[in-house]
Amino acid sequence: MKKDKVDEVCEKIQHFLERSPIDDVKKNLKTILVNNLSNLDLITREEFDIQKSVLNKTREKLIELEARIEELIKKQDSSAD
């Protein structure tokens, strides 16, 4: 008798879930998320990594140029004396 009750409850739950709008909600939510995310100005990980690499190279070049300028300024100062 207990098994019959458990089966009955399971059947009612399944029936409820079948009638539930949860699938529609999932579909709508997914559509809303995709639309909103596509409106954002996002980039891929690959694009980010490329830009990061470019930035690092630019930073290294800037450091080199700053050191070179300092060296030239020192040479100019020492030759002016």
PDB file of N, CA and C in Angstrom:
ATOM      1  N   MET A   1       0.816  -1.193   0.000  1.00  0.00           N
ATOM      2  CA  MET A   1       0.000   0.000   0.000  1.00  0.00           C
ATOM      3  C   MET A   1       0.865   1.265   0.000  1.00  0.00           C
ATOM      4  N   LYS A   2       1.948   1.241   0.725  1.00  0.00           N
ATOM      5  CA  LYS A   2       2.825   2.406   0.741  1.00  0.00           C
ATOM      6  C   LYS A   2       3.393   2.670  -0.644  1.00  0.00           C
ATOM      7  N   LYS A   3       3.750   1.612  -1.354  1.00  0.00           N
ATOM      8  CA  LYS A   3       4.308   1.770  -2.691  1.00  0.00           C
ATOM      9  C   LYS A   3       3.293   2.424  -3.615  1.00  0.00           C
ATOM     10  N   ASP A   4       2.041   2.085  -3.457  1.00  0.00           N
ATOM     11  CA  ASP A   4       0.992   2.698  -4.274  1.00  0.00           C
ATOM     12  C   ASP A   4       0.915   4.203  -4.019  1.00  0.00           C
ATOM     13  N   LYS A   5       1.042   4.577  -2.776  1.00  0.00           N
ATOM     14  CA  LYS A   5       0.993   6.001  -2.405  1.00  0.00           C
ATOM     15  C   LYS A   5       2.208   6.735  -2.999  1.00  0.00           C
ATOM     16  N   VAL A   6       3.375   6.121  -2.890  1.00  0.00           N
ATOM     17  CA  VAL A   6       4.600   6.722  -3.428  1.00  0.00           C
ATOM     18  C   VAL A   6       4.460   6.883  -4.935  1.00  0.00           C
ATOM     19  N   ASP A   7       3.965   5.842  -5.600  1.00  0.00           N
ATOM     20  CA  ASP A   7       3.755   5.903  -7.046  1.00  0.00           C
ATOM     21  C   ASP A   7       2.762   7.005  -7.413  1.00  0.00           C
ATOM     22  N   GLU A   8       1.738   7.114  -6.609  1.00  0.00           N
ATOM     23  CA  GLU A   8       0.718   8.129  -6.865  1.00  0.00           C
ATOM     24  C   GLU A   8       1.302   9.533  -6.735  1.00  0.00           C
ATOM     25  N   VAL A   9       2.074   9.744  -5.672  1.00  0.00           N
ATOM     26  CA  VAL A   9       2.707  11.052  -5.452  1.00  0.00           C
ATOM     27  C   VAL A   9       3.677  11.362  -6.605  1.00  0.00           C
ATOM     28  N   CYS A  10       4.468  10.375  -6.995  1.00  0.00           N
ATOM     29  CA  CYS A  10       5.408  10.553  -8.100  1.00  0.00           C
ATOM     30  C   CYS A  10       4.676  10.908  -9.392  1.00  0.00           C
ATOM     31  N   GLU A  11       3.588  10.247  -9.616  1.00  0.00           N
ATOM     32  CA  GLU A  11       2.790  10.500 -10.816  1.00  0.00           C
ATOM     33  C   GLU A  11       2.221  11.913 -10.795  1.00  0.00           C
ATOM     34  N   LYS A  12       1.750  12.347  -9.635  1.00  0.00           N
ATOM     35  CA  LYS A  12       1.212  13.701  -9.507  1.00  0.00           C
ATOM     36  C   LYS A  12       2.301  14.744  -9.727  1.00  0.00           C
ATOM     37  N   ILE A  13       3.466  14.485  -9.179  1.00  0.00           N
ATOM     38  CA  ILE A  13       4.591  15.416  -9.361  1.00  0.00           C
ATOM     39  C   ILE A  13       4.968  15.497 -10.842  1.00  0.00           C
ATOM     40  N   GLN A  14       5.049  14.351 -11.479  1.00  0.00           N
ATOM     41  CA  GLN A  14       5.396  14.318 -12.894  1.00  0.00           C
ATOM     42  C   GLN A  14       4.344  15.051 -13.725  1.00  0.00           C
ATOM     43  N   HIS A  15       3.105  14.814 -13.409  1.00  0.00           N
ATOM     44  CA  HIS A  15       2.018  15.491 -14.117  1.00  0.00           C
ATOM     45  C   HIS A  15       2.113  17.006 -13.917  1.00  0.00           C
ATOM     46  N   PHE A  16       2.388  17.421 -12.699  1.00  0.00           N
ATOM     47  CA  PHE A  16       2.540  18.842 -12.403  1.00  0.00           C
ATOM     48  C   PHE A  16       3.692  19.448 -13.207  1.00  0.00           C
ATOM     49  N   LEU A  17       4.811  18.744 -13.227  1.00  0.00           N
ATOM     50  CA  LEU A  17       5.975  19.246 -13.953  1.00  0.00           C
ATOM     51  C   LEU A  17       5.710  19.341 -15.454  1.00  0.00           C
ATOM     52  N   GLU A  18       4.961  18.409 -15.969  1.00  0.00           N
ATOM     53  CA  GLU A  18       4.623  18.445 -17.389  1.00  0.00           C
ATOM     54  C   GLU A  18       3.761  19.659 -17.722  1.00  0.00           C
ATOM     55  N   ARG A  19       2.900  20.040 -16.801  1.00  0.00           N
ATOM     56  CA  ARG A  19       2.035  21.198 -17.020  1.00  0.00           C
ATOM     57  C   ARG A  19       2.734  22.498 -16.670  1.00  0.00           C
ATOM     58  N   SER A  20       3.835  22.398 -15.992  1.00  0.00           N
ATOM     59  CA  SER A  20       4.547  23.576 -15.514  1.00  0.00           C
ATOM     60  C   SER A  20       5.139  24.377 -16.676  1.00  0.00           C
ATOM     61  N   PRO A  21       5.166  25.662 -16.540  1.00  0.00           N
ATOM     62  CA  PRO A  21       5.727  26.500 -17.603  1.00  0.00           C
ATOM     63  C   PRO A  21       7.256  26.614 -17.512  1.00  0.00           C
ATOM     64  N   ILE A  22       7.877  25.736 -16.768  1.00  0.00           N
ATOM     65  CA  ILE A  22       9.312  25.845 -16.539  1.00  0.00           C
ATOM     66  C   ILE A  22      10.111  25.796 -17.845  1.00  0.00           C
ATOM     67  N   ASP A  23       9.697  24.965 -18.809  1.00  0.00           N
ATOM     68  CA  ASP A  23      10.404  24.902 -20.088  1.00  0.00           C
ATOM     69  C   ASP A  23      10.301  26.225 -20.835  1.00  0.00           C
ATOM     70  N   ASP A  24       9.115  26.810 -20.809  1.00  0.00           N
ATOM     71  CA  ASP A  24       8.943  28.110 -21.457  1.00  0.00           C
ATOM     72  C   ASP A  24       9.792  29.169 -20.778  1.00  0.00           C
ATOM     73  N   VAL A  25       9.820  29.133 -19.469  1.00  0.00           N
ATOM     74  CA  VAL A  25      10.629  30.093 -18.714  1.00  0.00           C
ATOM     75  C   VAL A  25      12.106  29.922 -19.079  1.00  0.00           C
ATOM     76  N   LYS A  26      12.578  28.682 -19.160  1.00  0.00           N
ATOM     77  CA  LYS A  26      13.977  28.424 -19.530  1.00  0.00           C
ATOM     78  C   LYS A  26      14.288  28.989 -20.911  1.00  0.00           C
ATOM     79  N   LYS A  27      13.412  28.705 -21.862  1.00  0.00           N
ATOM     80  CA  LYS A  27      13.626  29.192 -23.231  1.00  0.00           C
ATOM     81  C   LYS A  27      13.640  30.715 -23.269  1.00  0.00           C
ATOM     82  N   ASN A  28      12.677  31.322 -22.602  1.00  0.00           N
ATOM     83  CA  ASN A  28      12.608  32.783 -22.588  1.00  0.00           C
ATOM     84  C   ASN A  28      13.816  33.395 -21.896  1.00  0.00           C
ATOM     85  N   LEU A  29      14.214  32.801 -20.799  1.00  0.00           N
ATOM     86  CA  LEU A  29      15.364  33.309 -20.064  1.00  0.00           C
ATOM     87  C   LEU A  29      16.628  33.215 -20.917  1.00  0.00           C
ATOM     88  N   LYS A  30      16.789  32.098 -21.593  1.00  0.00           N
ATOM     89  CA  LYS A  30      17.951  31.925 -22.456  1.00  0.00           C
ATOM     90  C   LYS A  30      17.950  32.972 -23.567  1.00  0.00           C
ATOM     91  N   THR A  31      16.810  33.196 -24.179  1.00  0.00           N
ATOM     92  CA  THR A  31      16.698  34.194 -25.241  1.00  0.00           C
ATOM     93  C   THR A  31      17.039  35.580 -24.720  1.00  0.00           C
ATOM     94  N   ILE A  32      16.506  35.912 -23.574  1.00  0.00           N
ATOM     95  CA  ILE A  32      16.779  37.218 -22.971  1.00  0.00           C
ATOM     96  C   ILE A  32      18.265  37.373 -22.666  1.00  0.00           C
ATOM     97  N   LEU A  33      18.865  36.338 -22.088  1.00  0.00           N
ATOM     98  CA  LEU A  33      20.292  36.410 -21.769  1.00  0.00           C
ATOM     99  C   LEU A  33      21.151  36.557 -23.021  1.00  0.00           C
ATOM    100  N   VAL A  34      20.858  35.767 -24.033  1.00  0.00           N
ATOM    101  CA  VAL A  34      21.630  35.832 -25.278  1.00  0.00           C
ATOM    102  C   VAL A  34      21.500  37.215 -25.909  1.00  0.00           C
ATOM    103  N   ASN A  35      20.294  37.743 -25.946  1.00  0.00           N
ATOM    104  CA  ASN A  35      20.092  39.072 -26.531  1.00  0.00           C
ATOM    105  C   ASN A  35      20.827  40.155 -25.752  1.00  0.00           C
ATOM    106  N   ASN A  36      20.743  40.101 -24.440  1.00  0.00           N
ATOM    107  CA  ASN A  36      21.410  41.118 -23.635  1.00  0.00           C
ATOM    108  C   ASN A  36      22.922  40.995 -23.693  1.00  0.00           C
ATOM    109  N   LEU A  37      23.422  39.776 -23.692  1.00  0.00           N
ATOM    110  CA  LEU A  37      24.874  39.592 -23.776  1.00  0.00           C
ATOM    111  C   LEU A  37      25.405  40.028 -25.137  1.00  0.00           C
ATOM    112  N   SER A  38      24.630  39.815 -26.172  1.00  0.00           N
ATOM    113  CA  SER A  38      25.082  40.221 -27.505  1.00  0.00           C
ATOM    114  C   SER A  38      25.113  41.743 -27.640  1.00  0.00           C
ATOM    115  N   ASN A  39      24.336  42.437 -26.828  1.00  0.00           N
ATOM    116  CA  ASN A  39      24.344  43.900 -26.854  1.00  0.00           C
ATOM    117  C   ASN A  39      25.541  44.492 -26.125  1.00  0.00           C
ATOM    118  N   LEU A  40      26.179  43.697 -25.291  1.00  0.00           N
ATOM    119  CA  LEU A  40      27.346  44.192 -24.570  1.00  0.00           C
ATOM    120  C   LEU A  40      28.553  44.200 -25.495  1.00  0.00           C
ATOM    121  N   ASP A  41      29.464  45.083 -25.209  1.00  0.00           N
ATOM    122  CA  ASP A  41      30.675  45.196 -26.028  1.00  0.00           C
ATOM    123  C   ASP A  41      31.737  44.265 -25.466  1.00  0.00           C
ATOM    124  N   LEU A  42      31.545  42.966 -25.682  1.00  0.00           N
ATOM    125  CA  LEU A  42      32.448  41.961 -25.147  1.00  0.00           C
ATOM    126  C   LEU A  42      33.401  41.472 -26.228  1.00  0.00           C
ATOM    127  N   ILE A  43      34.548  40.968 -25.781  1.00  0.00           N
ATOM    128  CA  ILE A  43      35.506  40.379 -26.707  1.00  0.00           C
ATOM    129  C   ILE A  43      35.788  38.945 -26.282  1.00  0.00           C
ATOM    130  N   THR A  44      36.333  38.194 -27.196  1.00  0.00           N
ATOM    131  CA  THR A  44      36.661  36.809 -26.875  1.00  0.00           C
ATOM    132  C   THR A  44      37.937  36.765 -26.039  1.00  0.00           C
ATOM    133  N   ARG A  45      38.183  35.622 -25.439  1.00  0.00           N
ATOM    134  CA  ARG A  45      39.394  35.428 -24.659  1.00  0.00           C
ATOM    135  C   ARG A  45      40.625  35.579 -25.555  1.00  0.00           C
ATOM    136  N   GLU A  46      40.505  35.063 -26.781  1.00  0.00           N
ATOM    137  CA  GLU A  46      41.622  35.151 -27.731  1.00  0.00           C
ATOM    138  C   GLU A  46      41.946  36.613 -28.043  1.00  0.00           C
ATOM    139  N   GLU A  47      40.914  37.417 -28.300  1.00  0.00           N
ATOM    140  CA  GLU A  47      41.133  38.841 -28.569  1.00  0.00           C
ATOM    141  C   GLU A  47      41.755  39.534 -27.358  1.00  0.00           C
ATOM    142  N   PHE A  48      41.298  39.175 -26.175  1.00  0.00           N
ATOM    143  CA  PHE A  48      41.847  39.749 -24.949  1.00  0.00           C
ATOM    144  C   PHE A  48      43.328  39.410 -24.812  1.00  0.00           C
ATOM    145  N   ASP A  49      43.670  38.143 -25.046  1.00  0.00           N
ATOM    146  CA  ASP A  49      45.059  37.712 -24.924  1.00  0.00           C
ATOM    147  C   ASP A  49      45.957  38.416 -25.936  1.00  0.00           C
ATOM    148  N   ILE A  50      45.441  38.631 -27.147  1.00  0.00           N
ATOM    149  CA  ILE A  50      46.217  39.344 -28.165  1.00  0.00           C
ATOM    150  C   ILE A  50      46.470  40.780 -27.711  1.00  0.00           C
ATOM    151  N   GLN A  51      45.432  41.443 -27.233  1.00  0.00           N
ATOM    152  CA  GLN A  51      45.592  42.825 -26.773  1.00  0.00           C
ATOM    153  C   GLN A  51      46.521  42.911 -25.568  1.00  0.00           C
ATOM    154  N   LYS A  52      46.463  41.922 -24.708  1.00  0.00           N
ATOM    155  CA  LYS A  52      47.349  41.881 -23.545  1.00  0.00           C
ATOM    156  C   LYS A  52      48.795  41.755 -23.995  1.00  0.00           C
ATOM    157  N   SER A  53      49.036  40.925 -24.983  1.00  0.00           N
ATOM    158  CA  SER A  53      50.370  40.742 -25.526  1.00  0.00           C
ATOM    159  C   SER A  53      50.887  42.045 -26.152  1.00  0.00           C
ATOM    160  N   VAL A  54      50.029  42.698 -26.919  1.00  0.00           N
ATOM    161  CA  VAL A  54      50.405  43.978 -27.535  1.00  0.00           C
ATOM    162  C   VAL A  54      50.733  45.005 -26.454  1.00  0.00           C
ATOM    163  N   LEU A  55      49.933  45.052 -25.433  1.00  0.00           N
ATOM    164  CA  LEU A  55      50.170  45.987 -24.333  1.00  0.00           C
ATOM    165  C   LEU A  55      51.495  45.700 -23.639  1.00  0.00           C
ATOM    166  N   ASN A  56      51.789  44.433 -23.390  1.00  0.00           N
ATOM    167  CA  ASN A  56      53.056  44.078 -22.746  1.00  0.00           C
ATOM    168  C   ASN A  56      54.250  44.485 -23.600  1.00  0.00           C
ATOM    169  N   LYS A  57      54.172  44.248 -24.904  1.00  0.00           N
ATOM    170  CA  LYS A  57      55.256  44.648 -25.812  1.00  0.00           C
ATOM    171  C   LYS A  57      55.414  46.166 -25.817  1.00  0.00           C
ATOM    172  N   THR A  58      54.296  46.865 -25.827  1.00  0.00           N
ATOM    173  CA  THR A  58      54.330  48.328 -25.806  1.00  0.00           C
ATOM    174  C   THR A  58      54.952  48.833 -24.512  1.00  0.00           C
ATOM    175  N   ARG A  59      54.602  48.195 -23.406  1.00  0.00           N
ATOM    176  CA  ARG A  59      55.167  48.581 -22.109  1.00  0.00           C
ATOM    177  C   ARG A  59      56.681  48.358 -22.098  1.00  0.00           C
ATOM    178  N   GLU A  60      57.141  47.219 -22.638  1.00  0.00           N
ATOM    179  CA  GLU A  60      58.578  46.936 -22.704  1.00  0.00           C
ATOM    180  C   GLU A  60      59.290  47.984 -23.556  1.00  0.00           C
ATOM    181  N   LYS A  61      58.706  48.333 -24.689  1.00  0.00           N
ATOM    182  CA  LYS A  61      59.294  49.337 -25.580  1.00  0.00           C
ATOM    183  C   LYS A  61      59.356  50.685 -24.890  1.00  0.00           C
ATOM    184  N   LEU A  62      58.311  51.036 -24.155  1.00  0.00           N
ATOM    185  CA  LEU A  62      58.284  52.300 -23.424  1.00  0.00           C
ATOM    186  C   LEU A  62      59.400  52.342 -22.390  1.00  0.00           C
ATOM    187  N   ILE A  63      59.595  51.265 -21.665  1.00  0.00           N
ATOM    188  CA  ILE A  63      60.661  51.201 -20.661  1.00  0.00           C
ATOM    189  C   ILE A  63      62.022  51.379 -21.335  1.00  0.00           C
ATOM    190  N   GLU A  64      62.220  50.707 -22.475  1.00  0.00           N
ATOM    191  CA  GLU A  64      63.473  50.845 -23.217  1.00  0.00           C
ATOM    192  C   GLU A  64      63.691  52.289 -23.669  1.00  0.00           C
ATOM    193  N   LEU A  65      62.647  52.903 -24.191  1.00  0.00           N
ATOM    194  CA  LEU A  65      62.760  54.286 -24.664  1.00  0.00           C
ATOM    195  C   LEU A  65      63.024  55.257 -23.519  1.00  0.00           C
ATOM    196  N   GLU A  66      62.382  55.044 -22.388  1.00  0.00           N
ATOM    197  CA  GLU A  66      62.629  55.907 -21.230  1.00  0.00           C
ATOM    198  C   GLU A  66      64.078  55.798 -20.782  1.00  0.00           C
ATOM    199  N   ALA A  67      64.607  54.583 -20.753  1.00  0.00           N
ATOM    200  CA  ALA A  67      66.006  54.380 -20.364  1.00  0.00           C
ATOM    201  C   ALA A  67      66.935  55.047 -21.375  1.00  0.00           C
ATOM    202  N   ARG A  68      66.620  54.934 -22.630  1.00  0.00           N
ATOM    203  CA  ARG A  68      67.454  55.553 -23.674  1.00  0.00           C
ATOM    204  C   ARG A  68      67.439  57.076 -23.562  1.00  0.00           C
ATOM    205  N   ILE A  69      66.253  57.636 -23.305  1.00  0.00           N
ATOM    206  CA  ILE A  69      66.152  59.099 -23.129  1.00  0.00           C
ATOM    207  C   ILE A  69      66.985  59.547 -21.945  1.00  0.00           C
ATOM    208  N   GLU A  70      66.891  58.816 -20.855  1.00  0.00           N
ATOM    209  CA  GLU A  70      67.694  59.165 -19.672  1.00  0.00           C
ATOM    210  C   GLU A  70      69.190  59.114 -19.994  1.00  0.00           C
ATOM    211  N   GLU A  71      69.587  58.108 -20.731  1.00  0.00           N
ATOM    212  CA  GLU A  71      70.985  57.973 -21.125  1.00  0.00           C
ATOM    213  C   GLU A  71      71.426  59.144 -22.002  1.00  0.00           C
ATOM    214  N   LEU A  72      70.599  59.529 -22.950  1.00  0.00           N
ATOM    215  CA  LEU A  72      70.918  60.665 -23.819  1.00  0.00           C
ATOM    216  C   LEU A  72      70.987  61.974 -23.035  1.00  0.00           C
ATOM    217  N   ILE A  73      70.075  62.127 -22.083  1.00  0.00           N
ATOM    218  CA  ILE A  73      70.091  63.338 -21.247  1.00  0.00           C
ATOM    219  C   ILE A  73      71.373  63.392 -20.434  1.00  0.00           C
ATOM    220  N   LYS A  74      71.790  62.248 -19.874  1.00  0.00           N
ATOM    221  CA  LYS A  74      73.038  62.208 -19.096  1.00  0.00           C
ATOM    222  C   LYS A  74      74.236  62.547 -19.979  1.00  0.00           C
ATOM    223  N   LYS A  75      74.270  62.004 -21.207  1.00  0.00           N
ATOM    224  CA  LYS A  75      75.368  62.293 -22.132  1.00  0.00           C
ATOM    225  C   LYS A  75      75.384  63.781 -22.480  1.00  0.00           C
ATOM    226  N   GLN A  76      74.206  64.351 -22.697  1.00  0.00           N
ATOM    227  CA  GLN A  76      74.128  65.760 -23.041  1.00  0.00           C
ATOM    228  C   GLN A  76      74.593  66.626 -21.874  1.00  0.00           C
ATOM    229  N   ASP A  77      74.159  66.253 -20.652  1.00  0.00           N
ATOM    230  CA  ASP A  77      74.567  67.001 -19.468  1.00  0.00           C
ATOM    231  C   ASP A  77      76.070  66.920 -19.243  1.00  0.00           C
ATOM    232  N   SER A  78      76.644  65.743 -19.459  1.00  0.00           N
ATOM    233  CA  SER A  78      78.074  65.570 -19.218  1.00  0.00           C
ATOM    234  C   SER A  78      78.905  66.271 -20.310  1.00  0.00           C
ATOM    235  N   SER A  79      78.399  66.360 -21.521  1.00  0.00           N
ATOM    236  CA  SER A  79      79.143  67.040 -22.581  1.00  0.00           C
ATOM    237  C   SER A  79      78.978  68.548 -22.475  1.00  0.00           C
ATOM    238  N   ALA A  80      77.931  69.010 -21.819  1.00  0.00           N
ATOM    239  CA  ALA A  80      77.719  70.454 -21.640  1.00  0.00           C
ATOM    240  C   ALA A  80      78.652  71.004 -20.587  1.00  0.00           C
ATOM    241  N   ASP A  81      79.126  70.159 -19.704  1.00  0.00           N
ATOM    242  CA  ASP A  81      80.027  70.628 -18.626  1.00  0.00           C
ATOM    243  C   ASP A  81      81.390  70.801 -19.137  1.00  0.00           C
TER     244      ASP A  81
END
